[in-house]
Every structure is written in C-alpha cells, then in structure tokens.
Amino acid sequence: MTEQTNEQIGFGVSPEAAIEQAPTPEQAPFIAPEKPAETIAAPEQPAEALAAPAVETAPAPVVQKSEMYANIDKILSQNLGELYAALNAGKQEKFRVEGERITTEIERLLAEPKPDVHKIRDLVSGWMTSLEGVSKYFLEEELKIKVGLLLQLKKDAVN
C-alpha cells in the first residue's frame, strides 16, 4: 500500500527502494565544503587602503543667469538691504531662496507676450510680506514701484 500511495503521489519509488538506489560515498561526486566568508584571508593591506577612495567632488556648477534675471533681481532687492540685514540668518536664507524662486517665475512671466500683471504683483507681494516689522504702507509703495519697474523692463526688452 505504501508503493501505491507513493506512486499516486507521484514519487514512483518506495522509501526502501530509494535507499537501495542511493549512491555510495565512493560513487558520489566530490563536492568541496564551502568555507565561511570570514575564514577567507585577504592579502594584508593597511587600513588607509581599505577605506573608501577619496572622490573629488566638483564644485556646484555655476548657472549663468540671464541679463533679464539680473535686472529683475536688482529691481526686487532695491530698498530692502536694511530690512534684509535685520533678519536672523535662518530667515535671511529662506527670504533669499524665495526671492530667487519668484525672480525665476517673474522672468518666465515677462517672457510671455502679455505678462499677467496680477500674478507678478501677487508674487512680489507674498515675498515682501515675509519681512517682519515693516509698515504695510511702505510695502504697498514698494510693491507699486517694483511692479512698475518690472513692466518697464518688459517694455524695454521688447524694444
């Protein structure tokens, strides 16, 4: 019944027959035992040689800013030097990064045939309101001046 069960399962050989058919140690091919990884000795090298090789990193590529970008940046930074200097280092960095972002966005908007003045005004307004301790009247006046100068820059670029 064991043979029938094994044949039904698909083995086809009874356990007793499998033992009789197994190769003896003299007949079995030689298989070398595996050595653990830590027992394989590497050639002796100083510790400095085993450290990761020093890779020289190139300085960050300097992105060439267009003349339009430089002019927009100059307009946006007018009359804000003292206010910028009054900010702490963390806020200065955040203000600078945001200024670079909106400068790029304004440059893109001014490159369009008909720039969206409201969008430009909103960008500049949002950026300038992040300054602390500034009168809203000063911000409104600066906003009008900056948007007017940006539109004049667009007119001059077209001509």
N, C-alpha and C. Protein backbone atom coordinates (compact mmCIF):
# COMPACT_ATOMS: atom_id res chain seq x y z
N MET A 1 0.82 -1.17 0.00
CA MET A 1 0.00 0.00 0.00
C MET A 1 0.87 1.25 0.00
N THR A 2 2.05 1.16 0.57
CA THR A 2 2.97 2.29 0.56
C THR A 2 3.39 2.59 -0.86
N GLU A 3 3.64 1.55 -1.66
CA GLU A 3 4.03 1.77 -3.05
C GLU A 3 2.91 2.45 -3.82
N GLN A 4 1.68 2.05 -3.57
CA GLN A 4 0.56 2.66 -4.25
C GLN A 4 0.42 4.13 -3.83
N THR A 5 0.61 4.39 -2.56
CA THR A 5 0.49 5.75 -2.08
C THR A 5 1.59 6.61 -2.69
N ASN A 6 2.83 6.12 -2.72
CA ASN A 6 3.93 6.88 -3.30
C ASN A 6 3.74 7.08 -4.80
N GLU A 7 3.22 6.03 -5.49
CA GLU A 7 3.00 6.16 -6.92
C GLU A 7 1.87 7.14 -7.19
N GLN A 8 0.83 7.11 -6.34
CA GLN A 8 -0.28 8.03 -6.52
C GLN A 8 0.19 9.47 -6.29
N ILE A 9 1.06 9.66 -5.32
CA ILE A 9 1.56 10.99 -5.04
C ILE A 9 2.46 11.45 -6.17
N GLY A 10 3.13 10.53 -6.82
CA GLY A 10 3.97 10.90 -7.94
C GLY A 10 5.43 10.63 -7.72
N PHE A 11 5.79 10.02 -6.60
CA PHE A 11 7.20 9.74 -6.37
C PHE A 11 7.64 8.54 -7.19
N GLY A 12 6.81 7.52 -7.24
CA GLY A 12 7.09 6.35 -8.06
C GLY A 12 8.08 5.38 -7.45
N VAL A 13 8.71 5.71 -6.35
CA VAL A 13 9.70 4.82 -5.74
C VAL A 13 9.38 4.74 -4.25
N SER A 14 9.43 3.53 -3.74
CA SER A 14 9.19 3.36 -2.32
C SER A 14 10.41 3.83 -1.55
N PRO A 15 10.28 4.22 -0.29
CA PRO A 15 11.43 4.66 0.50
C PRO A 15 12.52 3.60 0.58
N GLU A 16 12.14 2.32 0.67
CA GLU A 16 13.14 1.26 0.74
C GLU A 16 13.93 1.19 -0.56
N ALA A 17 13.28 1.30 -1.69
CA ALA A 17 13.96 1.25 -2.99
C ALA A 17 14.84 2.46 -3.17
N ALA A 18 14.46 3.64 -2.66
CA ALA A 18 15.26 4.84 -2.78
C ALA A 18 16.56 4.70 -2.01
N ILE A 19 16.49 4.04 -0.85
CA ILE A 19 17.70 3.83 -0.05
C ILE A 19 18.64 2.89 -0.78
N GLU A 20 18.09 1.83 -1.40
CA GLU A 20 18.92 0.87 -2.14
C GLU A 20 19.55 1.52 -3.36
N GLN A 21 18.89 2.50 -4.01
CA GLN A 21 19.40 3.13 -5.22
C GLN A 21 20.33 4.30 -4.92
N ALA A 22 20.40 4.76 -3.70
CA ALA A 22 21.24 5.91 -3.36
C ALA A 22 22.70 5.56 -3.60
N PRO A 23 23.50 6.49 -4.15
CA PRO A 23 24.90 6.19 -4.42
C PRO A 23 25.69 6.06 -3.13
N THR A 24 26.66 5.22 -3.17
CA THR A 24 27.53 5.06 -2.01
C THR A 24 28.52 6.21 -2.01
N PRO A 25 29.22 6.43 -0.91
CA PRO A 25 30.18 7.54 -0.87
C PRO A 25 31.26 7.41 -1.95
N GLU A 26 31.64 6.19 -2.32
CA GLU A 26 32.65 6.02 -3.36
C GLU A 26 32.11 6.44 -4.73
N GLN A 27 30.79 6.30 -4.97
CA GLN A 27 30.18 6.62 -6.25
C GLN A 27 29.78 8.10 -6.36
N ALA A 28 29.55 8.75 -5.24
CA ALA A 28 29.08 10.14 -5.24
C ALA A 28 30.20 11.08 -5.70
N PRO A 29 29.88 12.09 -6.46
CA PRO A 29 30.91 13.03 -6.89
C PRO A 29 31.40 13.84 -5.69
N PHE A 30 32.66 14.29 -5.77
CA PHE A 30 33.24 15.06 -4.67
C PHE A 30 32.76 16.50 -4.75
N ILE A 31 32.19 16.99 -3.67
CA ILE A 31 31.77 18.39 -3.57
C ILE A 31 32.53 18.99 -2.40
N ALA A 32 33.31 20.02 -2.68
CA ALA A 32 34.12 20.64 -1.63
C ALA A 32 33.21 21.40 -0.68
N PRO A 33 33.48 21.30 0.61
CA PRO A 33 32.66 22.04 1.56
C PRO A 33 32.92 23.54 1.40
N GLU A 34 31.88 24.31 1.61
CA GLU A 34 32.02 25.76 1.48
C GLU A 34 32.73 26.32 2.70
N LYS A 35 33.60 27.30 2.46
CA LYS A 35 34.28 27.95 3.57
C LYS A 35 33.47 29.18 3.96
N PRO A 36 33.36 29.42 5.25
CA PRO A 36 32.68 30.65 5.67
C PRO A 36 33.46 31.86 5.17
N ALA A 37 32.76 32.94 4.92
CA ALA A 37 33.36 34.15 4.35
C ALA A 37 34.44 34.74 5.23
N GLU A 38 34.28 34.64 6.56
CA GLU A 38 35.26 35.26 7.43
C GLU A 38 36.57 34.49 7.49
N THR A 39 36.59 33.22 7.05
CA THR A 39 37.83 32.45 7.12
C THR A 39 38.70 32.67 5.90
N ILE A 40 38.16 33.25 4.85
CA ILE A 40 38.96 33.52 3.66
C ILE A 40 39.80 34.74 3.95
N ALA A 41 41.09 34.58 3.90
CA ALA A 41 42.00 35.67 4.25
C ALA A 41 42.30 36.50 3.02
N ALA A 42 42.20 37.79 3.19
CA ALA A 42 42.56 38.72 2.11
C ALA A 42 44.01 39.12 2.33
N PRO A 43 44.68 39.53 1.27
CA PRO A 43 46.05 39.98 1.45
C PRO A 43 46.08 41.15 2.44
N GLU A 44 47.12 41.20 3.23
CA GLU A 44 47.25 42.25 4.24
C GLU A 44 47.40 43.60 3.57
N GLN A 45 46.54 44.54 3.97
CA GLN A 45 46.60 45.90 3.45
C GLN A 45 46.46 46.86 4.62
N PRO A 46 47.09 48.01 4.52
CA PRO A 46 46.92 48.99 5.59
C PRO A 46 45.48 49.48 5.64
N ALA A 47 45.09 50.00 6.79
CA ALA A 47 43.71 50.46 6.99
C ALA A 47 43.35 51.57 6.03
N GLU A 48 44.32 52.42 5.67
CA GLU A 48 44.01 53.52 4.74
C GLU A 48 43.60 52.98 3.37
N ALA A 49 44.20 51.86 2.97
CA ALA A 49 43.89 51.29 1.66
C ALA A 49 42.50 50.69 1.64
N LEU A 50 42.01 50.22 2.79
CA LEU A 50 40.69 49.62 2.84
C LEU A 50 39.58 50.66 2.88
N ALA A 51 39.91 51.87 3.28
CA ALA A 51 38.91 52.93 3.34
C ALA A 51 38.45 53.27 1.92
N ALA A 52 37.26 53.79 1.82
CA ALA A 52 36.73 54.17 0.51
C ALA A 52 37.65 55.20 -0.13
N PRO A 53 37.90 55.04 -1.41
CA PRO A 53 38.78 56.01 -2.07
C PRO A 53 38.16 57.39 -2.04
N ALA A 54 39.01 58.38 -1.88
CA ALA A 54 38.53 59.76 -1.85
C ALA A 54 38.10 60.18 -3.24
N VAL A 55 36.90 60.66 -3.32
CA VAL A 55 36.37 61.11 -4.60
C VAL A 55 36.32 62.63 -4.55
N GLU A 56 36.98 63.24 -5.49
CA GLU A 56 36.96 64.69 -5.53
C GLU A 56 35.63 65.14 -6.10
N THR A 57 34.94 65.97 -5.34
CA THR A 57 33.66 66.47 -5.81
C THR A 57 33.89 67.81 -6.47
N ALA A 58 33.30 67.94 -7.61
CA ALA A 58 33.42 69.20 -8.34
C ALA A 58 32.52 70.22 -7.66
N PRO A 59 32.92 71.47 -7.67
CA PRO A 59 32.04 72.49 -7.10
C PRO A 59 30.74 72.54 -7.89
N ALA A 60 29.71 72.97 -7.23
CA ALA A 60 28.40 73.06 -7.88
C ALA A 60 28.52 73.93 -9.12
N PRO A 61 27.94 73.48 -10.22
CA PRO A 61 28.06 74.28 -11.43
C PRO A 61 27.40 75.64 -11.26
N VAL A 62 28.08 76.63 -11.72
CA VAL A 62 27.55 77.99 -11.63
C VAL A 62 26.61 78.18 -12.81
N VAL A 63 25.36 78.42 -12.48
CA VAL A 63 24.36 78.61 -13.51
C VAL A 63 24.45 80.05 -13.98
N GLN A 64 24.63 80.22 -15.25
CA GLN A 64 24.74 81.56 -15.81
C GLN A 64 23.34 82.18 -15.84
N LYS A 65 23.18 83.25 -15.12
CA LYS A 65 21.89 83.94 -15.08
C LYS A 65 21.81 84.88 -16.27
N SER A 66 20.62 84.99 -16.81
CA SER A 66 20.43 85.87 -17.95
C SER A 66 20.47 87.34 -17.50
N GLU A 67 20.60 88.22 -18.46
CA GLU A 67 20.60 89.66 -18.15
C GLU A 67 19.24 90.06 -17.58
N MET A 68 18.18 89.47 -18.10
CA MET A 68 16.83 89.76 -17.62
C MET A 68 16.70 89.34 -16.15
N TYR A 69 17.23 88.16 -15.82
CA TYR A 69 17.19 87.68 -14.43
C TYR A 69 17.93 88.65 -13.51
N ALA A 70 19.11 89.09 -13.93
CA ALA A 70 19.90 90.01 -13.11
C ALA A 70 19.16 91.33 -12.91
N ASN A 71 18.50 91.83 -13.96
CA ASN A 71 17.74 93.09 -13.83
C ASN A 71 16.54 92.93 -12.90
N ILE A 72 15.85 91.81 -13.00
CA ILE A 72 14.70 91.55 -12.12
C ILE A 72 15.18 91.46 -10.68
N ASP A 73 16.28 90.75 -10.45
CA ASP A 73 16.84 90.62 -9.11
C ASP A 73 17.23 91.98 -8.54
N LYS A 74 17.80 92.82 -9.37
CA LYS A 74 18.20 94.17 -8.93
C LYS A 74 16.98 95.00 -8.53
N ILE A 75 15.93 94.92 -9.34
CA ILE A 75 14.70 95.67 -9.04
C ILE A 75 14.08 95.18 -7.74
N LEU A 76 14.00 93.86 -7.56
CA LEU A 76 13.36 93.31 -6.36
C LEU A 76 14.15 93.62 -5.09
N SER A 77 15.46 93.73 -5.20
CA SER A 77 16.26 93.95 -3.99
C SER A 77 16.44 95.43 -3.63
N GLN A 78 15.97 96.34 -4.49
CA GLN A 78 16.10 97.76 -4.19
C GLN A 78 15.37 98.11 -2.89
N ASN A 79 16.01 98.93 -2.05
CA ASN A 79 15.44 99.46 -0.81
C ASN A 79 15.12 98.39 0.24
N LEU A 80 15.65 97.18 0.09
CA LEU A 80 15.37 96.14 1.07
C LEU A 80 16.62 95.71 1.83
N GLY A 81 17.76 96.34 1.58
CA GLY A 81 19.02 95.94 2.20
C GLY A 81 18.99 95.99 3.71
N GLU A 82 18.49 97.09 4.28
CA GLU A 82 18.45 97.22 5.74
C GLU A 82 17.47 96.23 6.36
N LEU A 83 16.34 96.02 5.71
CA LEU A 83 15.35 95.09 6.24
C LEU A 83 15.89 93.66 6.20
N TYR A 84 16.60 93.34 5.12
CA TYR A 84 17.19 92.01 4.98
C TYR A 84 18.27 91.79 6.05
N ALA A 85 19.08 92.80 6.29
CA ALA A 85 20.16 92.70 7.28
C ALA A 85 19.60 92.52 8.68
N ALA A 86 18.40 93.02 8.94
CA ALA A 86 17.80 92.91 10.27
C ALA A 86 17.27 91.50 10.56
N LEU A 87 17.11 90.67 9.53
CA LEU A 87 16.61 89.31 9.73
C LEU A 87 17.72 88.43 10.29
N ASN A 88 17.32 87.36 11.04
CA ASN A 88 18.33 86.41 11.51
C ASN A 88 18.78 85.53 10.34
N ALA A 89 19.84 84.77 10.53
CA ALA A 89 20.47 84.01 9.44
C ALA A 89 19.49 83.02 8.78
N GLY A 90 18.69 82.33 9.57
CA GLY A 90 17.74 81.36 9.02
C GLY A 90 16.69 82.03 8.15
N LYS A 91 16.17 83.15 8.62
CA LYS A 91 15.14 83.86 7.86
C LYS A 91 15.75 84.53 6.62
N GLN A 92 17.01 84.97 6.73
CA GLN A 92 17.68 85.55 5.56
C GLN A 92 17.79 84.50 4.45
N GLU A 93 18.19 83.29 4.82
CA GLU A 93 18.33 82.21 3.83
C GLU A 93 16.98 81.90 3.19
N LYS A 94 15.94 81.79 4.01
CA LYS A 94 14.60 81.49 3.49
C LYS A 94 14.12 82.62 2.57
N PHE A 95 14.36 83.87 2.96
CA PHE A 95 13.96 85.02 2.17
C PHE A 95 14.72 85.05 0.84
N ARG A 96 16.01 84.73 0.89
CA ARG A 96 16.84 84.73 -0.32
C ARG A 96 16.38 83.64 -1.30
N VAL A 97 16.14 82.44 -0.78
CA VAL A 97 15.70 81.32 -1.63
C VAL A 97 14.35 81.64 -2.27
N GLU A 98 13.44 82.19 -1.47
CA GLU A 98 12.12 82.55 -2.01
C GLU A 98 12.26 83.66 -3.05
N GLY A 99 13.16 84.61 -2.81
CA GLY A 99 13.41 85.67 -3.79
C GLY A 99 13.94 85.13 -5.10
N GLU A 100 14.84 84.15 -5.03
CA GLU A 100 15.35 83.53 -6.26
C GLU A 100 14.24 82.80 -7.00
N ARG A 101 13.37 82.14 -6.26
CA ARG A 101 12.27 81.41 -6.89
C ARG A 101 11.33 82.37 -7.61
N ILE A 102 10.94 83.46 -6.95
CA ILE A 102 10.00 84.37 -7.61
C ILE A 102 10.68 85.14 -8.74
N THR A 103 11.99 85.37 -8.63
CA THR A 103 12.70 86.03 -9.73
C THR A 103 12.63 85.16 -10.98
N THR A 104 12.83 83.87 -10.82
CA THR A 104 12.74 82.94 -11.95
C THR A 104 11.32 82.92 -12.51
N GLU A 105 10.34 82.91 -11.62
CA GLU A 105 8.94 82.90 -12.05
C GLU A 105 8.58 84.19 -12.78
N ILE A 106 9.03 85.33 -12.26
CA ILE A 106 8.74 86.61 -12.91
C ILE A 106 9.44 86.68 -14.27
N GLU A 107 10.64 86.14 -14.35
CA GLU A 107 11.35 86.12 -15.64
C GLU A 107 10.55 85.32 -16.67
N ARG A 108 9.99 84.20 -16.24
CA ARG A 108 9.16 83.39 -17.12
C ARG A 108 7.90 84.15 -17.54
N LEU A 109 7.27 84.84 -16.57
CA LEU A 109 6.05 85.59 -16.88
C LEU A 109 6.33 86.76 -17.83
N LEU A 110 7.47 87.43 -17.63
CA LEU A 110 7.79 88.57 -18.50
C LEU A 110 8.20 88.12 -19.91
N ALA A 111 8.55 86.86 -20.07
CA ALA A 111 8.91 86.35 -21.40
C ALA A 111 7.67 86.09 -22.25
N GLU A 112 6.51 86.04 -21.62
CA GLU A 112 5.27 85.83 -22.36
C GLU A 112 4.91 87.10 -23.11
N PRO A 113 4.17 86.96 -24.22
CA PRO A 113 3.79 88.15 -24.99
C PRO A 113 2.98 89.16 -24.17
N LYS A 114 2.08 88.67 -23.35
CA LYS A 114 1.29 89.56 -22.49
C LYS A 114 1.41 89.05 -21.06
N PRO A 115 2.34 89.62 -20.26
CA PRO A 115 2.54 89.12 -18.90
C PRO A 115 1.34 89.37 -18.01
N ASP A 116 1.10 88.44 -17.11
CA ASP A 116 -0.01 88.55 -16.15
C ASP A 116 0.44 89.45 -14.99
N VAL A 117 0.01 90.71 -15.02
CA VAL A 117 0.43 91.70 -14.03
C VAL A 117 -0.04 91.31 -12.64
N HIS A 118 -1.23 90.76 -12.54
CA HIS A 118 -1.77 90.38 -11.24
C HIS A 118 -0.94 89.27 -10.61
N LYS A 119 -0.51 88.34 -11.44
CA LYS A 119 0.32 87.23 -10.94
C LYS A 119 1.67 87.78 -10.45
N ILE A 120 2.27 88.69 -11.20
CA ILE A 120 3.54 89.30 -10.80
C ILE A 120 3.36 90.04 -9.48
N ARG A 121 2.28 90.81 -9.39
CA ARG A 121 2.01 91.58 -8.17
C ARG A 121 1.83 90.66 -6.97
N ASP A 122 1.10 89.57 -7.16
CA ASP A 122 0.88 88.62 -6.06
C ASP A 122 2.19 87.96 -5.62
N LEU A 123 3.06 87.61 -6.58
CA LEU A 123 4.35 87.00 -6.24
C LEU A 123 5.20 87.95 -5.40
N VAL A 124 5.32 89.19 -5.87
CA VAL A 124 6.16 90.18 -5.18
C VAL A 124 5.55 90.50 -3.81
N SER A 125 4.24 90.65 -3.76
CA SER A 125 3.56 90.96 -2.51
C SER A 125 3.76 89.86 -1.47
N GLY A 126 3.58 88.62 -1.87
CA GLY A 126 3.76 87.50 -0.96
C GLY A 126 5.18 87.40 -0.44
N TRP A 127 6.14 87.68 -1.30
CA TRP A 127 7.54 87.63 -0.91
C TRP A 127 7.88 88.75 0.07
N MET A 128 7.40 89.96 -0.22
CA MET A 128 7.73 91.11 0.63
C MET A 128 7.03 91.06 1.98
N THR A 129 5.87 90.44 2.06
CA THR A 129 5.17 90.38 3.35
C THR A 129 5.86 89.45 4.33
N SER A 130 6.82 88.66 3.86
CA SER A 130 7.55 87.80 4.80
C SER A 130 8.58 88.60 5.61
N LEU A 131 8.79 89.87 5.23
CA LEU A 131 9.66 90.74 6.04
C LEU A 131 8.91 91.12 7.30
N GLU A 132 9.63 91.16 8.42
CA GLU A 132 8.98 91.45 9.69
C GLU A 132 9.17 92.91 10.07
N GLY A 133 8.19 93.44 10.78
CA GLY A 133 8.31 94.78 11.34
C GLY A 133 8.30 95.89 10.31
N VAL A 134 7.58 95.68 9.21
CA VAL A 134 7.55 96.68 8.15
C VAL A 134 6.12 97.19 8.01
N SER A 135 6.00 98.48 7.86
CA SER A 135 4.70 99.11 7.70
C SER A 135 4.05 98.61 6.41
N LYS A 136 2.74 98.37 6.48
CA LYS A 136 2.04 97.92 5.27
C LYS A 136 2.01 99.02 4.22
N TYR A 137 2.10 100.27 4.64
CA TYR A 137 2.12 101.37 3.68
C TYR A 137 3.44 101.38 2.91
N PHE A 138 4.53 101.10 3.61
CA PHE A 138 5.83 101.00 2.96
C PHE A 138 5.82 99.86 1.95
N LEU A 139 5.26 98.71 2.36
CA LEU A 139 5.19 97.56 1.47
C LEU A 139 4.36 97.86 0.22
N GLU A 140 3.21 98.54 0.40
CA GLU A 140 2.36 98.89 -0.74
C GLU A 140 3.09 99.81 -1.72
N GLU A 141 3.78 100.81 -1.19
CA GLU A 141 4.52 101.73 -2.05
C GLU A 141 5.64 101.01 -2.79
N GLU A 142 6.39 100.18 -2.08
CA GLU A 142 7.47 99.42 -2.71
C GLU A 142 6.93 98.46 -3.75
N LEU A 143 5.79 97.87 -3.47
CA LEU A 143 5.16 96.95 -4.40
C LEU A 143 4.79 97.66 -5.70
N LYS A 144 4.18 98.85 -5.59
CA LYS A 144 3.81 99.62 -6.78
C LYS A 144 5.05 99.98 -7.59
N ILE A 145 6.10 100.41 -6.90
CA ILE A 145 7.33 100.80 -7.59
C ILE A 145 7.95 99.60 -8.30
N LYS A 146 8.04 98.48 -7.61
CA LYS A 146 8.70 97.30 -8.17
C LYS A 146 7.91 96.74 -9.36
N VAL A 147 6.61 96.66 -9.25
CA VAL A 147 5.81 96.14 -10.37
C VAL A 147 5.91 97.09 -11.56
N GLY A 148 5.88 98.40 -11.31
CA GLY A 148 6.04 99.36 -12.40
C GLY A 148 7.39 99.22 -13.08
N LEU A 149 8.45 99.06 -12.31
CA LEU A 149 9.79 98.89 -12.90
C LEU A 149 9.90 97.58 -13.67
N LEU A 150 9.25 96.52 -13.18
CA LEU A 150 9.28 95.24 -13.89
C LEU A 150 8.57 95.34 -15.23
N LEU A 151 7.43 96.05 -15.25
CA LEU A 151 6.72 96.22 -16.53
C LEU A 151 7.51 97.09 -17.48
N GLN A 152 8.20 98.10 -16.95
CA GLN A 152 9.05 98.94 -17.79
C GLN A 152 10.21 98.11 -18.36
N LEU A 153 10.74 97.21 -17.56
CA LEU A 153 11.80 96.32 -18.02
C LEU A 153 11.31 95.48 -19.19
N LYS A 154 10.07 94.99 -19.11
CA LYS A 154 9.49 94.20 -20.20
C LYS A 154 9.38 95.06 -21.46
N LYS A 155 8.91 96.32 -21.31
CA LYS A 155 8.78 97.20 -22.47
C LYS A 155 10.13 97.46 -23.10
N ASP A 156 11.13 97.72 -22.27
CA ASP A 156 12.47 97.98 -22.79
C ASP A 156 13.05 96.78 -23.50
N ALA A 157 12.77 95.57 -23.00
CA ALA A 157 13.28 94.34 -23.60
C ALA A 157 12.67 94.09 -24.97
N VAL A 158 11.41 94.49 -25.14
CA VAL A 158 10.71 94.29 -26.42
C VAL A 158 11.27 95.26 -27.46
N ASN A 159 11.58 96.48 -27.06
CA ASN A 159 12.06 97.50 -28.00
C ASN A 159 13.50 97.33 -28.30
